[in-house]
C-alpha cells in the first residue's frame, strides 16, 4: 500500500496536542510550532499509524469477501433472528440503481450493493438484518418490521442510508 501524502501544519497557539485527519487523499497532521524536526518525524509516523488503526476498526470485516459476508449473516441471524434466517448465498454485487441490497426468499439468496463496502459496520449489519428478515417474512408488513427492529440501531442506520443517498444524489430509499 502506498504511503499517503502528508501535510504538516504547525501552529504557535497549539501547545501540546497533536492530531491528524484525512482531507481528500492527504493526511493533515497538526503540530505545535515549537516541535523539532525529530519530534515532527516521530509524531507524523505515530499519527499515520493511529489513523490507520482507527479506520481499520471502523470497517466491517464482512466487506472483504462474500464468505465473510455470509459469516456475518450467520452471526446476525443468531443474535437477532433466533437463528431462523439461513441464506443459501450472500454476495457483493455491482452498485444497484435503486436498492442497497435485495433478497429472493424463494431461492434464499441475498445480494448486497458494493456501495455499502465502506459504510460503518453497524449500517451494513442493519442492511443484512433487513435482508435476512425477508427470508422469514417476504413483504414489509408489521411482522417483518418486528423482526428488523430487534436490531437496536435500525432507525439510526436508516437515517444514515437516507443521508448517504441524498448527499450522493443516488435516489435510493427504503423499500
N, C-alpha and C. Protein backbone atom coordinates (compact mmCIF):
# COMPACT_ATOMS: atom_id res chain seq x y z
N UNK A 1 0.84 -1.18 0.00
CA UNK A 1 0.00 0.00 0.00
C UNK A 1 0.88 1.24 0.00
N UNK A 2 0.60 2.20 -0.86
CA UNK A 2 1.41 3.40 -0.98
C UNK A 2 1.23 4.30 0.24
N UNK A 3 2.30 4.98 0.59
CA UNK A 3 2.23 5.95 1.69
C UNK A 3 1.35 7.11 1.27
N UNK A 4 0.47 7.57 2.16
CA UNK A 4 -0.37 8.71 1.79
C UNK A 4 0.46 10.00 1.76
N UNK A 5 -0.05 10.98 1.04
CA UNK A 5 0.57 12.30 1.05
C UNK A 5 0.30 12.92 2.41
N UNK A 6 1.33 13.50 3.02
CA UNK A 6 1.20 14.08 4.36
C UNK A 6 1.49 15.57 4.30
N UNK A 7 0.63 16.34 4.93
CA UNK A 7 0.84 17.78 5.06
C UNK A 7 0.93 18.11 6.53
N UNK A 8 2.03 18.71 6.95
CA UNK A 8 2.20 19.09 8.35
C UNK A 8 1.84 20.55 8.49
N UNK A 9 0.96 20.84 9.45
CA UNK A 9 0.58 22.22 9.74
C UNK A 9 0.97 22.53 11.17
N UNK A 10 1.77 23.56 11.34
CA UNK A 10 2.24 23.97 12.66
C UNK A 10 1.46 25.20 13.12
N UNK A 11 1.25 25.27 14.43
CA UNK A 11 0.53 26.40 14.99
C UNK A 11 1.21 26.87 16.27
N UNK A 12 1.41 28.16 16.39
CA UNK A 12 2.01 28.70 17.61
C UNK A 12 1.00 28.68 18.76
N UNK A 13 -0.27 28.61 18.45
CA UNK A 13 -1.29 28.52 19.51
C UNK A 13 -1.40 27.12 20.09
N UNK A 14 -1.00 26.14 19.31
CA UNK A 14 -1.06 24.75 19.76
C UNK A 14 0.12 24.51 20.70
N UNK A 15 -0.12 24.00 21.90
CA UNK A 15 0.93 23.82 22.89
C UNK A 15 1.45 22.38 22.97
N UNK A 16 0.55 21.41 23.14
CA UNK A 16 0.98 20.03 23.32
C UNK A 16 0.29 19.05 22.39
N UNK A 17 -0.94 19.32 22.10
CA UNK A 17 -1.76 18.34 21.38
C UNK A 17 -1.34 18.18 19.92
N UNK A 18 -1.27 16.92 19.50
CA UNK A 18 -1.00 16.57 18.12
C UNK A 18 -2.25 15.86 17.61
N UNK A 19 -2.70 16.17 16.41
CA UNK A 19 -3.86 15.48 15.84
C UNK A 19 -3.66 15.31 14.34
N UNK A 20 -4.49 14.45 13.77
CA UNK A 20 -4.41 14.17 12.33
C UNK A 20 -5.79 13.82 11.80
N UNK A 21 -5.98 14.12 10.53
CA UNK A 21 -7.24 13.77 9.86
C UNK A 21 -6.99 13.70 8.36
N UNK A 22 -7.93 13.07 7.66
CA UNK A 22 -7.83 12.99 6.21
C UNK A 22 -8.54 14.17 5.58
N UNK A 23 -7.91 14.71 4.55
CA UNK A 23 -8.51 15.78 3.75
C UNK A 23 -8.32 15.35 2.31
N UNK A 24 -9.32 14.66 1.76
CA UNK A 24 -9.18 14.07 0.44
C UNK A 24 -8.17 12.94 0.49
N UNK A 25 -7.16 12.99 -0.37
CA UNK A 25 -6.14 11.93 -0.37
C UNK A 25 -4.90 12.32 0.44
N UNK A 26 -5.03 13.38 1.23
CA UNK A 26 -3.92 13.87 2.05
C UNK A 26 -4.23 13.67 3.53
N UNK A 27 -3.20 13.29 4.31
CA UNK A 27 -3.34 13.23 5.75
C UNK A 27 -2.74 14.52 6.30
N UNK A 28 -3.53 15.28 7.04
CA UNK A 28 -3.07 16.53 7.63
C UNK A 28 -2.72 16.25 9.09
N UNK A 29 -1.47 16.59 9.47
CA UNK A 29 -1.02 16.41 10.85
C UNK A 29 -0.81 17.80 11.44
N UNK A 30 -1.50 18.05 12.56
CA UNK A 30 -1.42 19.35 13.23
C UNK A 30 -0.46 19.24 14.41
N UNK A 31 0.56 20.11 14.43
CA UNK A 31 1.61 20.07 15.46
C UNK A 31 1.82 21.44 16.09
N UNK A 32 2.33 21.46 17.33
CA UNK A 32 2.76 22.74 17.91
C UNK A 32 3.96 23.27 17.12
N UNK A 33 4.08 24.57 16.95
CA UNK A 33 5.15 25.18 16.16
C UNK A 33 6.53 24.92 16.78
N UNK A 34 6.62 24.75 18.08
CA UNK A 34 7.90 24.61 18.77
C UNK A 34 8.54 23.23 18.60
N UNK A 35 7.86 22.26 18.01
CA UNK A 35 8.41 20.90 17.88
C UNK A 35 9.62 20.88 16.95
N UNK A 36 10.58 20.03 17.30
CA UNK A 36 11.77 19.86 16.47
C UNK A 36 11.43 18.98 15.27
N UNK A 37 12.33 18.93 14.29
CA UNK A 37 12.13 18.08 13.11
C UNK A 37 12.08 16.61 13.54
N UNK A 38 12.88 16.22 14.52
CA UNK A 38 12.87 14.85 15.02
C UNK A 38 11.54 14.49 15.66
N UNK A 39 11.02 15.42 16.47
CA UNK A 39 9.70 15.20 17.08
C UNK A 39 8.62 15.15 15.99
N UNK A 40 8.75 16.01 15.01
CA UNK A 40 7.79 16.01 13.90
C UNK A 40 7.77 14.65 13.21
N UNK A 41 8.95 14.12 12.90
CA UNK A 41 9.05 12.82 12.23
C UNK A 41 8.38 11.73 13.06
N UNK A 42 8.67 11.73 14.37
CA UNK A 42 8.06 10.74 15.28
C UNK A 42 6.53 10.87 15.26
N UNK A 43 6.01 12.10 15.41
CA UNK A 43 4.57 12.28 15.53
C UNK A 43 3.84 12.04 14.21
N UNK A 44 4.47 12.34 13.10
CA UNK A 44 3.83 12.04 11.81
C UNK A 44 3.65 10.53 11.68
N UNK A 45 4.71 9.76 11.98
CA UNK A 45 4.61 8.29 11.91
C UNK A 45 3.57 7.77 12.88
N UNK A 46 3.57 8.30 14.10
CA UNK A 46 2.61 7.87 15.13
C UNK A 46 1.18 8.17 14.69
N UNK A 47 0.93 9.35 14.17
CA UNK A 47 -0.43 9.73 13.78
C UNK A 47 -0.90 8.96 12.55
N UNK A 48 -0.02 8.65 11.62
CA UNK A 48 -0.39 7.81 10.48
C UNK A 48 -0.81 6.42 10.98
N UNK A 49 -0.06 5.89 11.93
CA UNK A 49 -0.38 4.58 12.49
C UNK A 49 -1.73 4.61 13.22
N UNK A 50 -1.95 5.63 14.03
CA UNK A 50 -3.22 5.74 14.76
C UNK A 50 -4.41 5.89 13.81
N UNK A 51 -4.24 6.71 12.79
CA UNK A 51 -5.31 6.93 11.82
C UNK A 51 -5.66 5.64 11.09
N UNK A 52 -4.64 4.89 10.70
CA UNK A 52 -4.87 3.62 10.02
C UNK A 52 -5.60 2.63 10.93
N UNK A 53 -5.17 2.53 12.20
CA UNK A 53 -5.84 1.63 13.15
C UNK A 53 -7.29 2.03 13.34
N UNK A 54 -7.53 3.32 13.47
CA UNK A 54 -8.89 3.82 13.67
C UNK A 54 -9.78 3.51 12.47
N UNK A 55 -9.26 3.73 11.27
CA UNK A 55 -10.05 3.47 10.07
C UNK A 55 -10.29 1.98 9.88
N UNK A 56 -9.33 1.15 10.22
CA UNK A 56 -9.48 -0.29 10.11
C UNK A 56 -10.55 -0.79 11.08
N UNK A 57 -10.53 -0.25 12.30
CA UNK A 57 -11.50 -0.65 13.32
C UNK A 57 -12.92 -0.31 12.90
N UNK A 58 -13.09 0.80 12.18
CA UNK A 58 -14.42 1.25 11.79
C UNK A 58 -15.02 0.48 10.64
N UNK A 59 -14.22 -0.27 9.92
CA UNK A 59 -14.73 -1.01 8.76
C UNK A 59 -15.10 -2.43 9.15
N UNK A 60 -16.19 -2.89 8.64
CA UNK A 60 -16.66 -4.24 8.93
C UNK A 60 -15.79 -5.28 8.22
N UNK A 61 -15.41 -6.35 8.93
CA UNK A 61 -14.67 -7.41 8.25
C UNK A 61 -15.50 -8.07 7.15
N UNK A 62 -16.81 -7.94 7.21
CA UNK A 62 -17.69 -8.54 6.20
C UNK A 62 -17.47 -7.93 4.82
N UNK A 63 -16.83 -6.78 4.75
CA UNK A 63 -16.63 -6.12 3.46
C UNK A 63 -15.57 -6.80 2.60
N UNK A 64 -14.80 -7.71 3.18
CA UNK A 64 -13.65 -8.28 2.47
C UNK A 64 -14.00 -9.32 1.43
N UNK A 65 -15.09 -10.10 1.63
CA UNK A 65 -15.42 -11.16 0.69
C UNK A 65 -16.87 -11.62 0.87
N UNK A 66 -17.33 -12.41 -0.09
CA UNK A 66 -18.67 -12.99 0.02
C UNK A 66 -18.73 -13.96 1.20
N UNK A 67 -17.63 -14.69 1.44
CA UNK A 67 -17.59 -15.64 2.54
C UNK A 67 -17.70 -14.92 3.89
N UNK A 68 -17.00 -13.79 4.01
CA UNK A 68 -17.07 -13.02 5.25
C UNK A 68 -18.47 -12.43 5.43
N UNK A 69 -19.11 -12.05 4.33
CA UNK A 69 -20.47 -11.53 4.37
C UNK A 69 -21.43 -12.62 4.86
N UNK A 70 -21.26 -13.83 4.35
CA UNK A 70 -22.10 -14.96 4.77
C UNK A 70 -21.88 -15.27 6.26
N UNK A 71 -20.64 -15.22 6.71
CA UNK A 71 -20.34 -15.47 8.13
C UNK A 71 -21.00 -14.42 9.01
N UNK A 72 -20.97 -13.16 8.56
CA UNK A 72 -21.60 -12.10 9.34
C UNK A 72 -23.11 -12.30 9.39
N UNK A 73 -23.70 -12.75 8.31
CA UNK A 73 -25.14 -13.04 8.31
C UNK A 73 -25.49 -14.13 9.33
N UNK A 74 -24.66 -15.15 9.42
CA UNK A 74 -24.90 -16.22 10.39
C UNK A 74 -24.88 -15.66 11.81
N UNK A 75 -23.91 -14.79 12.10
CA UNK A 75 -23.82 -14.17 13.43
C UNK A 75 -25.05 -13.31 13.72
N UNK A 76 -25.46 -12.52 12.75
CA UNK A 76 -26.61 -11.63 12.94
C UNK A 76 -27.91 -12.42 13.07
N UNK A 77 -28.06 -13.48 12.29
CA UNK A 77 -29.25 -14.32 12.40
C UNK A 77 -29.35 -14.93 13.78
N UNK A 78 -28.22 -15.40 14.29
CA UNK A 78 -28.21 -15.99 15.63
C UNK A 78 -28.56 -14.96 16.69
N UNK A 79 -27.98 -13.78 16.58
CA UNK A 79 -28.16 -12.75 17.60
C UNK A 79 -29.55 -12.11 17.59
N UNK A 80 -30.08 -11.82 16.39
CA UNK A 80 -31.31 -11.04 16.32
C UNK A 80 -32.52 -11.78 15.77
N UNK A 81 -32.31 -12.90 15.08
CA UNK A 81 -33.42 -13.57 14.42
C UNK A 81 -33.58 -15.03 14.86
N UNK A 82 -33.15 -15.31 16.07
CA UNK A 82 -33.29 -16.65 16.66
C UNK A 82 -32.72 -17.76 15.77
N UNK A 83 -31.70 -17.44 14.99
CA UNK A 83 -31.05 -18.40 14.07
C UNK A 83 -32.00 -18.97 13.02
N UNK A 84 -33.10 -18.29 12.77
CA UNK A 84 -34.11 -18.81 11.83
C UNK A 84 -33.81 -18.44 10.37
N UNK A 85 -33.07 -17.36 10.15
CA UNK A 85 -32.77 -16.92 8.78
C UNK A 85 -31.47 -17.57 8.34
N UNK A 86 -31.57 -18.45 7.35
CA UNK A 86 -30.40 -19.17 6.85
C UNK A 86 -30.31 -19.02 5.34
N UNK A 87 -29.58 -18.01 4.88
CA UNK A 87 -29.48 -17.81 3.43
C UNK A 87 -28.67 -18.91 2.76
N UNK A 88 -29.00 -19.19 1.53
CA UNK A 88 -28.24 -20.15 0.72
C UNK A 88 -26.96 -19.47 0.23
N UNK A 89 -27.08 -18.19 -0.15
CA UNK A 89 -25.89 -17.43 -0.57
C UNK A 89 -26.09 -15.96 -0.24
N UNK A 90 -24.96 -15.32 0.02
CA UNK A 90 -24.92 -13.87 0.24
C UNK A 90 -23.70 -13.38 -0.52
N UNK A 91 -23.89 -12.37 -1.36
CA UNK A 91 -22.74 -11.92 -2.15
C UNK A 91 -22.81 -10.43 -2.44
N UNK A 92 -21.61 -9.87 -2.64
CA UNK A 92 -21.48 -8.49 -3.07
C UNK A 92 -21.78 -8.43 -4.57
N UNK A 93 -22.49 -7.39 -4.98
CA UNK A 93 -22.79 -7.19 -6.40
C UNK A 93 -22.47 -5.75 -6.78
N UNK A 94 -22.28 -5.49 -8.07
CA UNK A 94 -22.05 -4.10 -8.50
C UNK A 94 -23.19 -3.20 -8.02
N UNK A 95 -22.93 -1.91 -7.88
CA UNK A 95 -23.96 -1.00 -7.36
C UNK A 95 -25.30 -1.13 -8.07
N UNK A 96 -26.34 -1.26 -7.26
CA UNK A 96 -27.71 -1.32 -7.78
C UNK A 96 -28.22 0.11 -7.94
N UNK A 97 -29.12 0.32 -8.88
CA UNK A 97 -29.61 1.68 -9.14
C UNK A 97 -30.54 2.19 -8.05
N UNK A 98 -31.41 1.31 -7.52
CA UNK A 98 -32.45 1.81 -6.61
C UNK A 98 -32.48 1.12 -5.25
N UNK A 99 -31.52 0.25 -4.97
CA UNK A 99 -31.55 -0.50 -3.71
C UNK A 99 -30.16 -0.61 -3.10
N UNK A 100 -30.15 -0.83 -1.79
CA UNK A 100 -28.89 -1.11 -1.08
C UNK A 100 -28.58 -2.60 -1.16
N UNK A 101 -29.63 -3.39 -1.18
CA UNK A 101 -29.48 -4.85 -1.21
C UNK A 101 -30.81 -5.44 -1.67
N UNK A 102 -30.80 -6.74 -1.96
CA UNK A 102 -32.06 -7.40 -2.31
C UNK A 102 -32.00 -8.85 -1.87
N UNK A 103 -33.18 -9.40 -1.68
CA UNK A 103 -33.31 -10.77 -1.22
C UNK A 103 -34.35 -11.47 -2.09
N UNK A 104 -34.06 -12.71 -2.45
CA UNK A 104 -35.04 -13.55 -3.14
C UNK A 104 -35.36 -14.69 -2.18
N UNK A 105 -36.43 -14.53 -1.38
CA UNK A 105 -36.75 -15.51 -0.35
C UNK A 105 -36.94 -16.93 -0.87
N UNK A 106 -37.54 -17.07 -2.06
CA UNK A 106 -37.79 -18.41 -2.58
C UNK A 106 -36.50 -19.16 -2.89
N UNK A 107 -35.44 -18.42 -3.21
CA UNK A 107 -34.15 -19.05 -3.50
C UNK A 107 -33.19 -18.97 -2.32
N UNK A 108 -33.51 -18.11 -1.34
CA UNK A 108 -32.65 -17.95 -0.18
C UNK A 108 -31.38 -17.16 -0.48
N UNK A 109 -31.45 -16.28 -1.48
CA UNK A 109 -30.26 -15.52 -1.87
C UNK A 109 -30.37 -14.06 -1.47
N UNK A 110 -29.22 -13.49 -1.10
CA UNK A 110 -29.14 -12.08 -0.75
C UNK A 110 -27.99 -11.48 -1.55
N UNK A 111 -28.26 -10.31 -2.14
CA UNK A 111 -27.26 -9.57 -2.88
C UNK A 111 -27.10 -8.21 -2.23
N UNK A 112 -25.85 -7.79 -2.00
CA UNK A 112 -25.56 -6.54 -1.31
C UNK A 112 -24.75 -5.62 -2.24
N UNK A 113 -25.23 -4.40 -2.40
CA UNK A 113 -24.56 -3.44 -3.27
C UNK A 113 -23.17 -3.10 -2.75
N UNK A 114 -22.22 -3.04 -3.66
CA UNK A 114 -20.85 -2.68 -3.30
C UNK A 114 -20.76 -1.25 -2.77
N UNK A 115 -21.80 -0.46 -2.97
CA UNK A 115 -21.82 0.89 -2.38
C UNK A 115 -21.73 0.83 -0.86
N UNK A 116 -22.04 -0.33 -0.28
CA UNK A 116 -22.04 -0.47 1.18
C UNK A 116 -20.71 -0.97 1.74
N UNK A 117 -19.73 -1.21 0.91
CA UNK A 117 -18.44 -1.75 1.39
C UNK A 117 -17.77 -0.84 2.40
N UNK A 118 -17.95 0.46 2.29
CA UNK A 118 -17.24 1.38 3.17
C UNK A 118 -18.11 2.08 4.20
N UNK A 119 -19.35 1.64 4.36
CA UNK A 119 -20.19 2.24 5.41
C UNK A 119 -19.75 1.69 6.76
N UNK A 120 -20.11 2.36 7.84
CA UNK A 120 -19.78 1.83 9.17
C UNK A 120 -20.38 0.43 9.36
N UNK A 121 -19.73 -0.41 10.15
CA UNK A 121 -20.21 -1.79 10.34
C UNK A 121 -21.66 -1.89 10.80
N UNK A 122 -22.11 -0.98 11.68
CA UNK A 122 -23.47 -1.05 12.19
C UNK A 122 -24.51 -0.77 11.10
N UNK A 123 -24.12 -0.02 10.06
CA UNK A 123 -25.04 0.24 8.95
C UNK A 123 -25.14 -1.01 8.07
N UNK A 124 -24.01 -1.62 7.76
CA UNK A 124 -24.02 -2.86 6.99
C UNK A 124 -24.80 -3.94 7.74
N UNK A 125 -24.61 -4.02 9.05
CA UNK A 125 -25.34 -5.00 9.85
C UNK A 125 -26.84 -4.80 9.74
N UNK A 126 -27.28 -3.54 9.77
CA UNK A 126 -28.72 -3.28 9.61
C UNK A 126 -29.22 -3.80 8.27
N UNK A 127 -28.51 -3.50 7.19
CA UNK A 127 -28.93 -3.94 5.86
C UNK A 127 -29.00 -5.46 5.82
N UNK A 128 -28.02 -6.13 6.41
CA UNK A 128 -28.04 -7.59 6.42
C UNK A 128 -29.20 -8.13 7.24
N UNK A 129 -29.47 -7.54 8.40
CA UNK A 129 -30.63 -7.99 9.21
C UNK A 129 -31.91 -7.77 8.42
N UNK A 130 -32.02 -6.63 7.74
CA UNK A 130 -33.21 -6.33 6.93
C UNK A 130 -33.41 -7.43 5.88
N UNK A 131 -32.36 -7.77 5.16
CA UNK A 131 -32.48 -8.79 4.12
C UNK A 131 -32.71 -10.17 4.71
N UNK A 132 -32.06 -10.48 5.81
CA UNK A 132 -32.29 -11.77 6.48
C UNK A 132 -33.74 -11.90 6.95
N UNK A 133 -34.31 -10.80 7.41
CA UNK A 133 -35.71 -10.82 7.85
C UNK A 133 -36.64 -11.17 6.69
N UNK A 134 -36.24 -10.81 5.47
CA UNK A 134 -37.06 -11.17 4.30
C UNK A 134 -37.10 -12.69 4.09
N UNK A 135 -36.10 -13.40 4.59
CA UNK A 135 -36.15 -14.87 4.49
C UNK A 135 -37.23 -15.43 5.41
N UNK A 136 -37.61 -14.67 6.42
CA UNK A 136 -38.66 -15.07 7.36
C UNK A 136 -40.02 -14.53 6.94
N UNK A 137 -40.03 -13.29 6.46
CA UNK A 137 -41.27 -12.62 6.05
C UNK A 137 -40.98 -11.88 4.75
N UNK A 138 -41.52 -12.33 3.63
CA UNK A 138 -41.20 -11.72 2.33
C UNK A 138 -41.55 -10.24 2.18
N UNK A 139 -42.66 -9.79 2.70
CA UNK A 139 -43.09 -8.40 2.48
C UNK A 139 -42.55 -7.45 3.53
N UNK A 140 -43.16 -6.26 3.60
CA UNK A 140 -42.76 -5.24 4.56
C UNK A 140 -43.87 -4.93 5.55
N UNK A 141 -44.59 -5.96 5.96
CA UNK A 141 -45.67 -5.78 6.91
C UNK A 141 -45.16 -5.62 8.34
N UNK A 142 -46.12 -5.54 9.24
CA UNK A 142 -45.82 -5.33 10.66
C UNK A 142 -44.91 -6.43 11.21
N UNK A 143 -45.19 -7.68 10.86
CA UNK A 143 -44.38 -8.79 11.37
C UNK A 143 -42.93 -8.72 10.87
N UNK A 144 -42.75 -8.27 9.63
CA UNK A 144 -41.40 -8.08 9.09
C UNK A 144 -40.64 -7.06 9.93
N UNK A 145 -41.25 -5.88 10.16
CA UNK A 145 -40.57 -4.82 10.91
C UNK A 145 -40.33 -5.20 12.36
N UNK A 146 -41.16 -6.07 12.91
CA UNK A 146 -40.89 -6.55 14.27
C UNK A 146 -39.56 -7.31 14.32
N UNK A 147 -39.30 -8.12 13.31
CA UNK A 147 -38.01 -8.82 13.23
C UNK A 147 -36.87 -7.82 13.06
N UNK A 148 -37.02 -6.90 12.11
CA UNK A 148 -35.94 -5.94 11.81
C UNK A 148 -35.61 -5.08 13.03
N UNK A 149 -36.62 -4.65 13.74
CA UNK A 149 -36.40 -3.77 14.89
C UNK A 149 -35.77 -4.48 16.09
N UNK A 150 -35.53 -5.75 15.99
CA UNK A 150 -34.74 -6.43 17.02
C UNK A 150 -33.29 -5.94 16.96
N UNK A 151 -32.88 -5.46 15.79
CA UNK A 151 -31.54 -4.87 15.66
C UNK A 151 -31.61 -3.47 16.25
N UNK A 152 -30.84 -3.18 17.30
CA UNK A 152 -31.00 -1.94 18.05
C UNK A 152 -30.67 -0.65 17.31
N UNK A 153 -29.91 -0.70 16.24
CA UNK A 153 -29.55 0.53 15.54
C UNK A 153 -30.32 0.70 14.23
N UNK A 154 -31.48 0.09 14.14
CA UNK A 154 -32.28 0.15 12.92
C UNK A 154 -32.58 1.58 12.49
N UNK A 155 -33.16 2.37 13.37
CA UNK A 155 -33.56 3.73 13.00
C UNK A 155 -32.35 4.58 12.63
N UNK A 156 -31.29 4.44 13.40
CA UNK A 156 -30.06 5.21 13.15
C UNK A 156 -29.48 4.85 11.78
N UNK A 157 -29.43 3.55 11.48
CA UNK A 157 -28.88 3.10 10.20
C UNK A 157 -29.75 3.56 9.03
N UNK A 158 -31.05 3.53 9.21
CA UNK A 158 -31.94 4.00 8.14
C UNK A 158 -31.68 5.48 7.85
N UNK A 159 -31.48 6.26 8.90
CA UNK A 159 -31.17 7.68 8.74
C UNK A 159 -29.83 7.89 8.04
N UNK A 160 -28.84 7.08 8.40
CA UNK A 160 -27.53 7.16 7.77
C UNK A 160 -27.65 6.91 6.27
N UNK A 161 -28.35 5.83 5.91
CA UNK A 161 -28.50 5.47 4.50
C UNK A 161 -29.28 6.53 3.72
N UNK A 162 -30.29 7.09 4.35
CA UNK A 162 -31.07 8.14 3.71
C UNK A 162 -30.18 9.36 3.43
N UNK A 163 -29.37 9.73 4.42
CA UNK A 163 -28.46 10.87 4.24
C UNK A 163 -27.40 10.59 3.19
N UNK A 164 -26.86 9.37 3.20
CA UNK A 164 -25.83 8.99 2.22
C UNK A 164 -26.40 9.08 0.80
N UNK A 165 -27.58 8.54 0.62
CA UNK A 165 -28.21 8.57 -0.70
C UNK A 165 -28.48 10.00 -1.16
N UNK A 166 -28.98 10.81 -0.24
CA UNK A 166 -29.29 12.19 -0.60
C UNK A 166 -28.02 12.97 -0.94
N UNK A 167 -26.98 12.80 -0.13
CA UNK A 167 -25.73 13.52 -0.35
C UNK A 167 -25.08 13.13 -1.68
N UNK A 168 -25.18 11.85 -2.03
CA UNK A 168 -24.56 11.36 -3.27
C UNK A 168 -25.47 11.53 -4.48
N UNK A 169 -26.74 11.86 -4.24
CA UNK A 169 -27.68 12.03 -5.36
C UNK A 169 -28.07 10.72 -6.00
N UNK A 170 -28.08 9.62 -5.22
CA UNK A 170 -28.38 8.30 -5.78
C UNK A 170 -29.87 8.02 -5.88
N UNK A 171 -30.68 8.67 -5.07
CA UNK A 171 -32.12 8.42 -5.11
C UNK A 171 -32.54 7.07 -4.56
N UNK A 172 -31.72 6.50 -3.70
CA UNK A 172 -32.05 5.21 -3.09
C UNK A 172 -32.82 5.48 -1.81
N UNK A 173 -33.95 4.79 -1.65
CA UNK A 173 -34.74 4.97 -0.43
C UNK A 173 -35.10 3.60 0.12
N UNK A 174 -35.60 3.62 1.34
CA UNK A 174 -36.04 2.36 1.98
C UNK A 174 -37.18 1.78 1.16
N UNK A 175 -37.18 0.44 1.05
CA UNK A 175 -38.22 -0.25 0.27
C UNK A 175 -39.54 0.35 0.55
